[in-house]
Amino acid sequence: MTIERVNHLVLKVKDVDETCDFYRGILGMEVELISARKRVLKFGSQKMTIHQKGRGFDLEAPAPGPIDICFVVTETAEQIKAELENKNIQIEGMIQRPSATGKVTSVYFRDPDQNLIEVSNNT
């Protein structure tokens, strides 16, 4: 078996509107309405589906917040840090390390469902 790419990602959340407000306001994603309990967050050529926990088909995640997502961004780590602080988002860490494409610096914080969000930039 050879995996080529990620097909999709679904977040099970406690409050669809709160989650969409967070990702739109903090990470600049576009929100598309699918239904009262389902939204799609768009960024670049990618998207994430947002489902209301406990409503409808609910097989995957047993509770909100069990994932870790990494987004590559164009801003520097210092710009990211300043923006998050300006938006009153608690930063959990900032780490520089080697990656497949050179050194990256990542900033870590959490969304409303306690999912770990990592934003990184090549340094």
PDB file of N, CA and C in Angstrom:
ATOM      1  N   MET A   1       0.846  -1.171   0.000  1.00  0.00           N
ATOM      2  CA  MET A   1       0.000   0.000   0.000  1.00  0.00           C
ATOM      3  C   MET A   1       0.893   1.237   0.000  1.00  0.00           C
ATOM      4  N   THR A   2       0.582   2.210  -0.872  1.00  0.00           N
ATOM      5  CA  THR A   2       1.316   3.466  -0.932  1.00  0.00           C
ATOM      6  C   THR A   2       0.333   4.617  -0.761  1.00  0.00           C
ATOM      7  N   ILE A   3       0.570   5.427   0.225  1.00  0.00           N
ATOM      8  CA  ILE A   3      -0.299   6.574   0.471  1.00  0.00           C
ATOM      9  C   ILE A   3       0.226   7.758  -0.314  1.00  0.00           C
ATOM     10  N   GLU A   4      -0.628   8.381  -1.120  1.00  0.00           N
ATOM     11  CA  GLU A   4      -0.232   9.510  -1.952  1.00  0.00           C
ATOM     12  C   GLU A   4      -0.446  10.851  -1.258  1.00  0.00           C
ATOM     13  N   ARG A   5      -1.599  11.056  -0.581  1.00  0.00           N
ATOM     14  CA  ARG A   5      -1.909  12.343   0.055  1.00  0.00           C
ATOM     15  C   ARG A   5      -3.077  12.179   1.014  1.00  0.00           C
ATOM     16  N   VAL A   6      -3.370  13.168   1.772  1.00  0.00           N
ATOM     17  CA  VAL A   6      -4.552  13.183   2.632  1.00  0.00           C
ATOM     18  C   VAL A   6      -5.767  13.472   1.759  1.00  0.00           C
ATOM     19  N   ASN A   7      -6.811  12.684   1.893  1.00  0.00           N
ATOM     20  CA  ASN A   7      -8.041  12.907   1.130  1.00  0.00           C
ATOM     21  C   ASN A   7      -8.907  13.957   1.809  1.00  0.00           C
ATOM     22  N   HIS A   8      -9.165  13.776   3.105  1.00  0.00           N
ATOM     23  CA  HIS A   8      -9.951  14.754   3.841  1.00  0.00           C
ATOM     24  C   HIS A   8      -9.688  14.607   5.332  1.00  0.00           C
ATOM     25  N   LEU A   9     -10.139  15.575   6.081  1.00  0.00           N
ATOM     26  CA  LEU A   9     -10.014  15.583   7.528  1.00  0.00           C
ATOM     27  C   LEU A   9     -11.349  16.035   8.084  1.00  0.00           C
ATOM     28  N   VAL A  10     -11.850  15.339   9.100  1.00  0.00           N
ATOM     29  CA  VAL A  10     -13.099  15.708   9.746  1.00  0.00           C
ATOM     30  C   VAL A  10     -12.804  16.000  11.207  1.00  0.00           C
ATOM     31  N   LEU A  11     -13.253  17.154  11.680  1.00  0.00           N
ATOM     32  CA  LEU A  11     -13.158  17.488  13.094  1.00  0.00           C
ATOM     33  C   LEU A  11     -14.528  17.308  13.722  1.00  0.00           C
ATOM     34  N   LYS A  12     -14.612  16.543  14.806  1.00  0.00           N
ATOM     35  CA  LYS A  12     -15.829  16.432  15.612  1.00  0.00           C
ATOM     36  C   LYS A  12     -15.709  17.484  16.699  1.00  0.00           C
ATOM     37  N   VAL A  13     -16.665  18.402  16.760  1.00  0.00           N
ATOM     38  CA  VAL A  13     -16.541  19.538  17.671  1.00  0.00           C
ATOM     39  C   VAL A  13     -17.764  19.675  18.554  1.00  0.00           C
ATOM     40  N   LYS A  14     -17.601  20.385  19.677  1.00  0.00           N
ATOM     41  CA  LYS A  14     -18.717  20.597  20.597  1.00  0.00           C
ATOM     42  C   LYS A  14     -19.644  21.691  20.094  1.00  0.00           C
ATOM     43  N   ASP A  15     -19.117  22.671  19.345  1.00  0.00           N
ATOM     44  CA  ASP A  15     -19.927  23.794  18.864  1.00  0.00           C
ATOM     45  C   ASP A  15     -19.413  24.213  17.485  1.00  0.00           C
ATOM     46  N   VAL A  16     -20.186  23.929  16.447  1.00  0.00           N
ATOM     47  CA  VAL A  16     -19.774  24.208  15.064  1.00  0.00           C
ATOM     48  C   VAL A  16     -19.487  25.695  14.866  1.00  0.00           C
ATOM     49  N   ASP A  17     -20.359  26.557  15.350  1.00  0.00           N
ATOM     50  CA  ASP A  17     -20.172  27.998  15.147  1.00  0.00           C
ATOM     51  C   ASP A  17     -18.917  28.510  15.844  1.00  0.00           C
ATOM     52  N   GLU A  18     -18.674  28.071  17.077  1.00  0.00           N
ATOM     53  CA  GLU A  18     -17.480  28.497  17.811  1.00  0.00           C
ATOM     54  C   GLU A  18     -16.212  28.053  17.078  1.00  0.00           C
ATOM     55  N   THR A  19     -16.209  26.811  16.600  1.00  0.00           N
ATOM     56  CA  THR A  19     -15.053  26.298  15.876  1.00  0.00           C
ATOM     57  C   THR A  19     -14.817  27.071  14.589  1.00  0.00           C
ATOM     58  N   CYS A  20     -15.879  27.329  13.824  1.00  0.00           N
ATOM     59  CA  CYS A  20     -15.739  28.088  12.578  1.00  0.00           C
ATOM     60  C   CYS A  20     -15.247  29.501  12.845  1.00  0.00           C
ATOM     61  N   ASP A  21     -15.773  30.139  13.887  1.00  0.00           N
ATOM     62  CA  ASP A  21     -15.308  31.484  14.248  1.00  0.00           C
ATOM     63  C   ASP A  21     -13.815  31.472  14.574  1.00  0.00           C
ATOM     64  N   PHE A  22     -13.357  30.443  15.287  1.00  0.00           N
ATOM     65  CA  PHE A  22     -11.948  30.327  15.650  1.00  0.00           C
ATOM     66  C   PHE A  22     -11.069  30.194  14.404  1.00  0.00           C
ATOM     67  N   TYR A  23     -11.375  29.238  13.548  1.00  0.00           N
ATOM     68  CA  TYR A  23     -10.534  28.996  12.374  1.00  0.00           C
ATOM     69  C   TYR A  23     -10.604  30.146  11.364  1.00  0.00           C
ATOM     70  N   ARG A  24     -11.744  30.810  11.258  1.00  0.00           N
ATOM     71  CA  ARG A  24     -11.857  31.976  10.378  1.00  0.00           C
ATOM     72  C   ARG A  24     -11.094  33.152  10.983  1.00  0.00           C
ATOM     73  N   GLY A  25     -11.302  33.418  12.266  1.00  0.00           N
ATOM     74  CA  GLY A  25     -10.694  34.571  12.915  1.00  0.00           C
ATOM     75  C   GLY A  25      -9.213  34.444  13.186  1.00  0.00           C
ATOM     76  N   ILE A  26      -8.744  33.255  13.534  1.00  0.00           N
ATOM     77  CA  ILE A  26      -7.335  33.057  13.890  1.00  0.00           C
ATOM     78  C   ILE A  26      -6.486  32.659  12.687  1.00  0.00           C
ATOM     79  N   LEU A  27      -6.985  31.744  11.855  1.00  0.00           N
ATOM     80  CA  LEU A  27      -6.189  31.235  10.739  1.00  0.00           C
ATOM     81  C   LEU A  27      -6.675  31.705   9.373  1.00  0.00           C
ATOM     82  N   GLY A  28      -7.732  32.528   9.329  1.00  0.00           N
ATOM     83  CA  GLY A  28      -8.178  33.123   8.070  1.00  0.00           C
ATOM     84  C   GLY A  28      -8.845  32.165   7.104  1.00  0.00           C
ATOM     85  N   MET A  29      -9.397  31.059   7.600  1.00  0.00           N
ATOM     86  CA  MET A  29     -10.045  30.104   6.705  1.00  0.00           C
ATOM     87  C   MET A  29     -11.430  30.595   6.295  1.00  0.00           C
ATOM     88  N   GLU A  30     -11.866  30.162   5.122  1.00  0.00           N
ATOM     89  CA  GLU A  30     -13.196  30.479   4.615  1.00  0.00           C
ATOM     90  C   GLU A  30     -14.164  29.399   5.107  1.00  0.00           C
ATOM     91  N   VAL A  31     -15.374  29.800   5.523  1.00  0.00           N
ATOM     92  CA  VAL A  31     -16.371  28.856   6.021  1.00  0.00           C
ATOM     93  C   VAL A  31     -17.464  28.673   4.973  1.00  0.00           C
ATOM     94  N   GLU A  32     -17.753  27.410   4.666  1.00  0.00           N
ATOM     95  CA  GLU A  32     -18.837  27.086   3.738  1.00  0.00           C
ATOM     96  C   GLU A  32     -19.900  26.299   4.499  1.00  0.00           C
ATOM     97  N   LEU A  33     -21.150  26.734   4.431  1.00  0.00           N
ATOM     98  CA  LEU A  33     -22.265  26.075   5.097  1.00  0.00           C
ATOM     99  C   LEU A  33     -22.713  24.863   4.297  1.00  0.00           C
ATOM    100  N   ILE A  34     -22.736  23.701   4.933  1.00  0.00           N
ATOM    101  CA  ILE A  34     -23.225  22.481   4.314  1.00  0.00           C
ATOM    102  C   ILE A  34     -24.610  22.153   4.875  1.00  0.00           C
ATOM    103  N   SER A  35     -24.755  22.204   6.207  1.00  0.00           N
ATOM    104  CA  SER A  35     -26.033  21.987   6.883  1.00  0.00           C
ATOM    105  C   SER A  35     -25.961  22.653   8.256  1.00  0.00           C
ATOM    106  N   ALA A  36     -27.037  22.558   9.037  1.00  0.00           N
ATOM    107  CA  ALA A  36     -27.070  23.192  10.356  1.00  0.00           C
ATOM    108  C   ALA A  36     -25.979  22.666  11.279  1.00  0.00           C
ATOM    109  N   ARG A  37     -25.571  21.409  11.099  1.00  0.00           N
ATOM    110  CA  ARG A  37     -24.550  20.828  11.977  1.00  0.00           C
ATOM    111  C   ARG A  37     -23.237  20.514  11.270  1.00  0.00           C
ATOM    112  N   LYS A  38     -23.111  20.941  10.031  1.00  0.00           N
ATOM    113  CA  LYS A  38     -21.906  20.613   9.262  1.00  0.00           C
ATOM    114  C   LYS A  38     -21.438  21.819   8.455  1.00  0.00           C
ATOM    115  N   ARG A  39     -20.117  22.101   8.538  1.00  0.00           N
ATOM    116  CA  ARG A  39     -19.489  23.172   7.774  1.00  0.00           C
ATOM    117  C   ARG A  39     -18.213  22.624   7.142  1.00  0.00           C
ATOM    118  N   VAL A  40     -17.710  23.346   6.150  1.00  0.00           N
ATOM    119  CA  VAL A  40     -16.418  23.044   5.559  1.00  0.00           C
ATOM    120  C   VAL A  40     -15.555  24.289   5.731  1.00  0.00           C
ATOM    121  N   LEU A  41     -14.330  24.092   6.219  1.00  0.00           N
ATOM    122  CA  LEU A  41     -13.359  25.174   6.335  1.00  0.00           C
ATOM    123  C   LEU A  41     -12.390  25.031   5.172  1.00  0.00           C
ATOM    124  N   LYS A  42     -12.264  26.094   4.366  1.00  0.00           N
ATOM    125  CA  LYS A  42     -11.397  26.067   3.185  1.00  0.00           C
ATOM    126  C   LYS A  42     -10.166  26.929   3.410  1.00  0.00           C
ATOM    127  N   PHE A  43      -9.026  26.431   2.915  1.00  0.00           N
ATOM    128  CA  PHE A  43      -7.771  27.174   2.962  1.00  0.00           C
ATOM    129  C   PHE A  43      -6.919  26.698   1.812  1.00  0.00           C
ATOM    130  N   GLY A  44      -6.487  27.606   0.947  1.00  0.00           N
ATOM    131  CA  GLY A  44      -5.734  27.217  -0.242  1.00  0.00           C
ATOM    132  C   GLY A  44      -6.560  26.241  -1.057  1.00  0.00           C
ATOM    133  N   SER A  45      -5.980  25.120  -1.441  1.00  0.00           N
ATOM    134  CA  SER A  45      -6.715  24.112  -2.204  1.00  0.00           C
ATOM    135  C   SER A  45      -7.178  22.968  -1.305  1.00  0.00           C
ATOM    136  N   GLN A  46      -7.156  23.169  -0.003  1.00  0.00           N
ATOM    137  CA  GLN A  46      -7.519  22.142   0.972  1.00  0.00           C
ATOM    138  C   GLN A  46      -8.801  22.519   1.708  1.00  0.00           C
ATOM    139  N   LYS A  47      -9.368  21.530   2.410  1.00  0.00           N
ATOM    140  CA  LYS A  47     -10.527  21.814   3.246  1.00  0.00           C
ATOM    141  C   LYS A  47     -10.620  20.807   4.379  1.00  0.00           C
ATOM    142  N   MET A  48     -11.294  21.221   5.450  1.00  0.00           N
ATOM    143  CA  MET A  48     -11.601  20.362   6.585  1.00  0.00           C
ATOM    144  C   MET A  48     -13.109  20.401   6.781  1.00  0.00           C
ATOM    145  N   THR A  49     -13.703  19.253   7.062  1.00  0.00           N
ATOM    146  CA  THR A  49     -15.126  19.187   7.351  1.00  0.00           C
ATOM    147  C   THR A  49     -15.314  19.250   8.863  1.00  0.00           C
ATOM    148  N   ILE A  50     -16.298  20.035   9.295  1.00  0.00           N
ATOM    149  CA  ILE A  50     -16.586  20.213  10.717  1.00  0.00           C
ATOM    150  C   ILE A  50     -17.958  19.617  11.009  1.00  0.00           C
ATOM    151  N   HIS A  51     -18.021  18.628  11.931  1.00  0.00           N
ATOM    152  CA  HIS A  51     -19.277  18.001  12.328  1.00  0.00           C
ATOM    153  C   HIS A  51     -19.573  18.317  13.787  1.00  0.00           C
ATOM    154  N   GLN A  52     -20.826  18.503  14.110  1.00  0.00           N
ATOM    155  CA  GLN A  52     -21.255  18.679  15.496  1.00  0.00           C
ATOM    156  C   GLN A  52     -21.196  17.337  16.210  1.00  0.00           C
ATOM    157  N   LYS A  53     -20.444  17.240  17.297  1.00  0.00           N
ATOM    158  CA  LYS A  53     -20.327  16.006  18.076  1.00  0.00           C
ATOM    159  C   LYS A  53     -21.690  15.598  18.620  1.00  0.00           C
ATOM    160  N   GLY A  54     -22.018  14.304  18.472  1.00  0.00           N
ATOM    161  CA  GLY A  54     -23.253  13.788  19.040  1.00  0.00           C
ATOM    162  C   GLY A  54     -24.484  13.967  18.179  1.00  0.00           C
ATOM    163  N   ARG A  55     -24.321  14.479  16.964  1.00  0.00           N
ATOM    164  CA  ARG A  55     -25.467  14.681  16.077  1.00  0.00           C
ATOM    165  C   ARG A  55     -25.200  13.991  14.752  1.00  0.00           C
ATOM    166  N   GLY A  56     -26.073  13.079  14.368  1.00  0.00           N
ATOM    167  CA  GLY A  56     -25.913  12.383  13.099  1.00  0.00           C
ATOM    168  C   GLY A  56     -24.897  11.270  13.204  1.00  0.00           C
ATOM    169  N   PHE A  57     -24.279  10.934  12.079  1.00  0.00           N
ATOM    170  CA  PHE A  57     -23.300   9.854  12.003  1.00  0.00           C
ATOM    171  C   PHE A  57     -22.103  10.200  12.864  1.00  0.00           C
ATOM    172  N   ASP A  58     -21.802   9.400  13.864  1.00  0.00           N
ATOM    173  CA  ASP A  58     -20.800   9.764  14.856  1.00  0.00           C
ATOM    174  C   ASP A  58     -19.921   8.572  15.213  1.00  0.00           C
ATOM    175  N   LEU A  59     -19.251   8.016  14.232  1.00  0.00           N
ATOM    176  CA  LEU A  59     -18.480   6.810  14.444  1.00  0.00           C
ATOM    177  C   LEU A  59     -17.030   7.081  14.842  1.00  0.00           C
ATOM    178  N   GLU A  60     -16.427   8.145  14.308  1.00  0.00           N
ATOM    179  CA  GLU A  60     -14.982   8.315  14.403  1.00  0.00           C
ATOM    180  C   GLU A  60     -14.473   8.656  15.805  1.00  0.00           C
ATOM    181  N   ALA A  61     -14.516   9.901  16.179  1.00  0.00           N
ATOM    182  CA  ALA A  61     -13.863  10.344  17.409  1.00  0.00           C
ATOM    183  C   ALA A  61     -14.802  10.223  18.610  1.00  0.00           C
ATOM    184  N   PRO A  62     -14.342   9.631  19.718  1.00  0.00           N
ATOM    185  CA  PRO A  62     -15.197   9.460  20.887  1.00  0.00           C
ATOM    186  C   PRO A  62     -15.447  10.749  21.663  1.00  0.00           C
ATOM    187  N   ALA A  63     -14.592  11.761  21.475  1.00  0.00           N
ATOM    188  CA  ALA A  63     -14.758  13.023  22.199  1.00  0.00           C
ATOM    189  C   ALA A  63     -14.125  14.142  21.386  1.00  0.00           C
ATOM    190  N   PRO A  64     -14.559  15.388  21.606  1.00  0.00           N
ATOM    191  CA  PRO A  64     -13.909  16.505  20.911  1.00  0.00           C
ATOM    192  C   PRO A  64     -12.435  16.607  21.297  1.00  0.00           C
ATOM    193  N   GLY A  65     -11.616  17.066  20.373  1.00  0.00           N
ATOM    194  CA  GLY A  65     -10.240  17.426  20.662  1.00  0.00           C
ATOM    195  C   GLY A  65      -9.158  16.390  20.547  1.00  0.00           C
ATOM    196  N   PRO A  66      -9.368  15.246  19.885  1.00  0.00           N
ATOM    197  CA  PRO A  66      -8.331  14.221  19.909  1.00  0.00           C
ATOM    198  C   PRO A  66      -7.270  14.325  18.825  1.00  0.00           C
ATOM    199  N   ILE A  67      -7.208  15.406  18.057  1.00  0.00           N
ATOM    200  CA  ILE A  67      -6.254  15.424  16.954  1.00  0.00           C
ATOM    201  C   ILE A  67      -5.217  16.533  17.078  1.00  0.00           C
ATOM    202  N   ASP A  68      -4.224  16.440  16.238  1.00  0.00           N
ATOM    203  CA  ASP A  68      -3.126  17.399  16.133  1.00  0.00           C
ATOM    204  C   ASP A  68      -3.031  17.748  14.651  1.00  0.00           C
ATOM    205  N   ILE A  69      -3.170  19.024  14.320  1.00  0.00           N
ATOM    206  CA  ILE A  69      -3.148  19.470  12.928  1.00  0.00           C
ATOM    207  C   ILE A  69      -1.973  20.420  12.745  1.00  0.00           C
ATOM    208  N   CYS A  70      -1.246  20.268  11.647  1.00  0.00           N
ATOM    209  CA  CYS A  70      -0.165  21.192  11.323  1.00  0.00           C
ATOM    210  C   CYS A  70      -0.474  21.889  10.011  1.00  0.00           C
ATOM    211  N   PHE A  71      -0.386  23.207  10.021  1.00  0.00           N
ATOM    212  CA  PHE A  71      -0.562  24.027   8.827  1.00  0.00           C
ATOM    213  C   PHE A  71       0.749  24.733   8.527  1.00  0.00           C
ATOM    214  N   VAL A  72       1.146  24.759   7.257  1.00  0.00           N
ATOM    215  CA  VAL A  72       2.319  25.515   6.831  1.00  0.00           C
ATOM    216  C   VAL A  72       1.842  26.913   6.475  1.00  0.00           C
ATOM    217  N   VAL A  73       2.526  27.935   6.986  1.00  0.00           N
ATOM    218  CA  VAL A  73       2.133  29.326   6.752  1.00  0.00           C
ATOM    219  C   VAL A  73       3.295  30.114   6.161  1.00  0.00           C
ATOM    220  N   THR A  74       2.992  31.287   5.614  1.00  0.00           N
ATOM    221  CA  THR A  74       4.032  32.116   5.011  1.00  0.00           C
ATOM    222  C   THR A  74       4.669  33.085   6.009  1.00  0.00           C
ATOM    223  N   GLU A  75       3.959  33.428   7.075  1.00  0.00           N
ATOM    224  CA  GLU A  75       4.481  34.364   8.069  1.00  0.00           C
ATOM    225  C   GLU A  75       5.594  33.728   8.894  1.00  0.00           C
ATOM    226  N   THR A  76       6.446  34.567   9.464  1.00  0.00           N
ATOM    227  CA  THR A  76       7.498  34.077  10.352  1.00  0.00           C
ATOM    228  C   THR A  76       6.885  33.654  11.687  1.00  0.00           C
ATOM    229  N   ALA A  77       7.642  32.874  12.439  1.00  0.00           N
ATOM    230  CA  ALA A  77       7.173  32.442  13.760  1.00  0.00           C
ATOM    231  C   ALA A  77       6.908  33.645  14.662  1.00  0.00           C
ATOM    232  N   GLU A  78       7.738  34.662  14.579  1.00  0.00           N
ATOM    233  CA  GLU A  78       7.534  35.859  15.407  1.00  0.00           C
ATOM    234  C   GLU A  78       6.248  36.588  15.011  1.00  0.00           C
ATOM    235  N   GLN A  79       5.956  36.658  13.713  1.00  0.00           N
ATOM    236  CA  GLN A  79       4.701  37.274  13.258  1.00  0.00           C
ATOM    237  C   GLN A  79       3.494  36.469  13.743  1.00  0.00           C
ATOM    238  N   ILE A  80       3.603  35.143  13.658  1.00  0.00           N
ATOM    239  CA  ILE A  80       2.526  34.274  14.128  1.00  0.00           C
ATOM    240  C   ILE A  80       2.299  34.485  15.618  1.00  0.00           C
ATOM    241  N   LYS A  81       3.384  34.464  16.379  1.00  0.00           N
ATOM    242  CA  LYS A  81       3.312  34.650  17.834  1.00  0.00           C
ATOM    243  C   LYS A  81       2.652  35.977  18.180  1.00  0.00           C
ATOM    244  N   ALA A  82       3.065  37.040  17.518  1.00  0.00           N
ATOM    245  CA  ALA A  82       2.485  38.366  17.786  1.00  0.00           C
ATOM    246  C   ALA A  82       0.993  38.399  17.459  1.00  0.00           C
ATOM    247  N   GLU A  83       0.609  37.793  16.336  1.00  0.00           N
ATOM    248  CA  GLU A  83      -0.802  37.774  15.952  1.00  0.00           C
ATOM    249  C   GLU A  83      -1.639  36.990  16.951  1.00  0.00           C
ATOM    250  N   LEU A  84      -1.143  35.831  17.382  1.00  0.00           N
ATOM    251  CA  LEU A  84      -1.890  35.027  18.355  1.00  0.00           C
ATOM    252  C   LEU A  84      -2.025  35.760  19.682  1.00  0.00           C
ATOM    253  N   GLU A  85      -0.943  36.385  20.132  1.00  0.00           N
ATOM    254  CA  GLU A  85      -1.004  37.152  21.378  1.00  0.00           C
ATOM    255  C   GLU A  85      -1.994  38.301  21.261  1.00  0.00           C
ATOM    256  N   ASN A  86      -2.016  38.965  20.102  1.00  0.00           N
ATOM    257  CA  ASN A  86      -2.955  40.062  19.862  1.00  0.00           C
ATOM    258  C   ASN A  86      -4.411  39.569  19.916  1.00  0.00           C
ATOM    259  N   LYS A  87      -4.621  38.301  19.550  1.00  0.00           N
ATOM    260  CA  LYS A  87      -5.971  37.713  19.549  1.00  0.00           C
ATOM    261  C   LYS A  87      -6.258  36.929  20.824  1.00  0.00           C
ATOM    262  N   ASN A  88      -5.391  37.110  21.839  1.00  0.00           N
ATOM    263  CA  ASN A  88      -5.554  36.459  23.141  1.00  0.00           C
ATOM    264  C   ASN A  88      -5.595  34.936  23.073  1.00  0.00           C
ATOM    265  N   ILE A  89      -4.782  34.370  22.196  1.00  0.00           N
ATOM    266  CA  ILE A  89      -4.667  32.922  22.083  1.00  0.00           C
ATOM    267  C   ILE A  89      -3.411  32.493  22.842  1.00  0.00           C
ATOM    268  N   GLN A  90      -3.577  31.580  23.805  1.00  0.00           N
ATOM    269  CA  GLN A  90      -2.451  31.106  24.595  1.00  0.00           C
ATOM    270  C   GLN A  90      -1.548  30.214  23.748  1.00  0.00           C
ATOM    271  N   ILE A  91      -0.274  30.536  23.708  1.00  0.00           N
ATOM    272  CA  ILE A  91       0.717  29.761  22.967  1.00  0.00           C
ATOM    273  C   ILE A  91       1.278  28.691  23.895  1.00  0.00           C
ATOM    274  N   GLU A  92       1.286  27.449  23.433  1.00  0.00           N
ATOM    275  CA  GLU A  92       1.771  26.337  24.249  1.00  0.00           C
ATOM    276  C   GLU A  92       3.239  26.042  24.019  1.00  0.00           C
ATOM    277  N   GLY A  93       3.781  26.534  22.915  1.00  0.00           N
ATOM    278  CA  GLY A  93       5.195  26.302  22.658  1.00  0.00           C
ATOM    279  C   GLY A  93       5.608  26.829  21.311  1.00  0.00           C
ATOM    280  N   MET A  94       6.914  27.042  21.155  1.00  0.00           N
ATOM    281  CA  MET A  94       7.491  27.472  19.889  1.00  0.00           C
ATOM    282  C   MET A  94       8.809  26.725  19.761  1.00  0.00           C
ATOM    283  N   ILE A  95       8.948  25.919  18.693  1.00  0.00           N
ATOM    284  CA  ILE A  95      10.103  25.034  18.548  1.00  0.00           C
ATOM    285  C   ILE A  95      10.680  25.151  17.148  1.00  0.00           C
ATOM    286  N   GLN A  96      12.023  25.187  17.073  1.00  0.00           N
ATOM    287  CA  GLN A  96      12.706  25.138  15.783  1.00  0.00           C
ATOM    288  C   GLN A  96      13.359  23.762  15.668  1.00  0.00           C
ATOM    289  N   ARG A  97      13.209  23.127  14.494  1.00  0.00           N
ATOM    290  CA  ARG A  97      13.777  21.794  14.299  1.00  0.00           C
ATOM    291  C   ARG A  97      13.989  21.532  12.813  1.00  0.00           C
ATOM    292  N   PRO A  98      14.788  20.522  12.475  1.00  0.00           N
ATOM    293  CA  PRO A  98      14.975  20.170  11.072  1.00  0.00           C
ATOM    294  C   PRO A  98      13.746  19.454  10.522  1.00  0.00           C
ATOM    295  N   SER A  99      13.519  19.607   9.215  1.00  0.00           N
ATOM    296  CA  SER A  99      12.433  18.886   8.544  1.00  0.00           C
ATOM    297  C   SER A  99      12.950  18.423   7.190  1.00  0.00           C
ATOM    298  N   ALA A 100      12.089  17.821   6.414  1.00  0.00           N
ATOM    299  CA  ALA A 100      12.472  17.328   5.091  1.00  0.00           C
ATOM    300  C   ALA A 100      12.856  18.454   4.141  1.00  0.00           C
ATOM    301  N   THR A 101      12.362  19.677   4.398  1.00  0.00           N
ATOM    302  CA  THR A 101      12.629  20.805   3.498  1.00  0.00           C
ATOM    303  C   THR A 101      13.552  21.847   4.116  1.00  0.00           C
ATOM    304  N   GLY A 102      14.247  21.515   5.198  1.00  0.00           N
ATOM    305  CA  GLY A 102      15.115  22.466   5.880  1.00  0.00           C
ATOM    306  C   GLY A 102      14.615  22.705   7.287  1.00  0.00           C
ATOM    307  N   LYS A 103      15.118  23.746   7.932  1.00  0.00           N
ATOM    308  CA  LYS A 103      14.667  24.057   9.288  1.00  0.00           C
ATOM    309  C   LYS A 103      13.271  24.674   9.259  1.00  0.00           C
ATOM    310  N   VAL A 104      12.457  24.281  10.233  1.00  0.00           N
ATOM    311  CA  VAL A 104      11.136  24.883  10.401  1.00  0.00           C
ATOM    312  C   VAL A 104      11.005  25.368  11.829  1.00  0.00           C
ATOM    313  N   THR A 105      10.202  26.407  11.992  1.00  0.00           N
ATOM    314  CA  THR A 105       9.826  26.863  13.315  1.00  0.00           C
ATOM    315  C   THR A 105       8.325  26.697  13.433  1.00  0.00           C
ATOM    316  N   SER A 106       7.898  26.047  14.501  1.00  0.00           N
ATOM    317  CA  SER A 106       6.484  25.786  14.721  1.00  0.00           C
ATOM    318  C   SER A 106       6.005  26.480  15.980  1.00  0.00           C
ATOM    319  N   VAL A 107       4.782  27.000  15.915  1.00  0.00           N
ATOM    320  CA  VAL A 107       4.104  27.605  17.056  1.00  0.00           C
ATOM    321  C   VAL A 107       2.888  26.732  17.341  1.00  0.00           C
ATOM    322  N   TYR A 108       2.682  26.391  18.621  1.00  0.00           N
ATOM    323  CA  TYR A 108       1.609  25.492  19.026  1.00  0.00           C
ATOM    324  C   TYR A 108       0.586  26.223  19.893  1.00  0.00           C
ATOM    325  N   PHE A 109      -0.695  25.932  19.632  1.00  0.00           N
ATOM    326  CA  PHE A 109      -1.795  26.452  20.449  1.00  0.00           C
ATOM    327  C   PHE A 109      -2.985  25.532  20.270  1.00  0.00           C
ATOM    328  N   ARG A 110      -4.077  25.790  20.971  1.00  0.00           N
ATOM    329  CA  ARG A 110      -5.241  24.902  20.930  1.00  0.00           C
ATOM    330  C   ARG A 110      -6.479  25.623  20.412  1.00  0.00           C
ATOM    331  N   ASP A 111      -7.345  24.840  19.746  1.00  0.00           N
ATOM    332  CA  ASP A 111      -8.625  25.390  19.290  1.00  0.00           C
ATOM    333  C   ASP A 111      -9.665  25.210  20.403  1.00  0.00           C
ATOM    334  N   PRO A 112     -10.920  25.634  20.189  1.00  0.00           N
ATOM    335  CA  PRO A 112     -11.922  25.543  21.256  1.00  0.00           C
ATOM    336  C   PRO A 112     -12.205  24.121  21.743  1.00  0.00           C
ATOM    337  N   ASP A 113     -11.897  23.101  20.953  1.00  0.00           N
ATOM    338  CA  ASP A 113     -12.114  21.713  21.362  1.00  0.00           C
ATOM    339  C   ASP A 113     -10.845  21.052  21.883  1.00  0.00           C
ATOM    340  N   GLN A 114      -9.808  21.855  22.124  1.00  0.00           N
ATOM    341  CA  GLN A 114      -8.527  21.402  22.645  1.00  0.00           C
ATOM    342  C   GLN A 114      -7.713  20.577  21.655  1.00  0.00           C
ATOM    343  N   ASN A 115      -8.042  20.672  20.357  1.00  0.00           N
ATOM    344  CA  ASN A 115      -7.170  20.095  19.344  1.00  0.00           C
ATOM    345  C   ASN A 115      -5.879  20.897  19.334  1.00  0.00           C
ATOM    346  N   LEU A 116      -4.766  20.221  19.177  1.00  0.00           N
ATOM    347  CA  LEU A 116      -3.476  20.909  19.119  1.00  0.00           C
ATOM    348  C   LEU A 116      -3.270  21.440  17.704  1.00  0.00           C
ATOM    349  N   ILE A 117      -3.074  22.742  17.579  1.00  0.00           N
ATOM    350  CA  ILE A 117      -2.843  23.392  16.304  1.00  0.00           C
ATOM    351  C   ILE A 117      -1.361  23.771  16.236  1.00  0.00           C
ATOM    352  N   GLU A 118      -0.716  23.370  15.151  1.00  0.00           N
ATOM    353  CA  GLU A 118       0.685  23.715  14.913  1.00  0.00           C
ATOM    354  C   GLU A 118       0.735  24.512  13.614  1.00  0.00           C
ATOM    355  N   VAL A 119       1.338  25.675  13.654  1.00  0.00           N
ATOM    356  CA  VAL A 119       1.567  26.431  12.418  1.00  0.00           C
ATOM    357  C   VAL A 119       3.072  26.537  12.274  1.00  0.00           C
ATOM    358  N   SER A 120       3.572  26.223  11.076  1.00  0.00           N
ATOM    359  CA  SER A 120       5.014  26.201  10.892  1.00  0.00           C
ATOM    360  C   SER A 120       5.417  26.921   9.620  1.00  0.00           C
ATOM    361  N   ASN A 121       6.673  27.358   9.613  1.00  0.00           N
ATOM    362  CA  ASN A 121       7.246  28.078   8.499  1.00  0.00           C
ATOM    363  C   ASN A 121       8.690  27.664   8.361  1.00  0.00           C
ATOM    364  N   ASN A 122       9.163  27.500   7.133  1.00  0.00           N
ATOM    365  CA  ASN A 122      10.583  27.247   6.923  1.00  0.00           C
ATOM    366  C   ASN A 122      11.357  28.474   7.344  1.00  0.00           C
ATOM    367  N   THR A 123      12.436  28.274   8.096  1.00  0.00           N
ATOM    368  CA  THR A 123      13.232  29.413   8.573  1.00  0.00           C
ATOM    369  C   THR A 123      14.561  29.478   7.893  1.00  0.00           C
TER     370      THR A 123
END
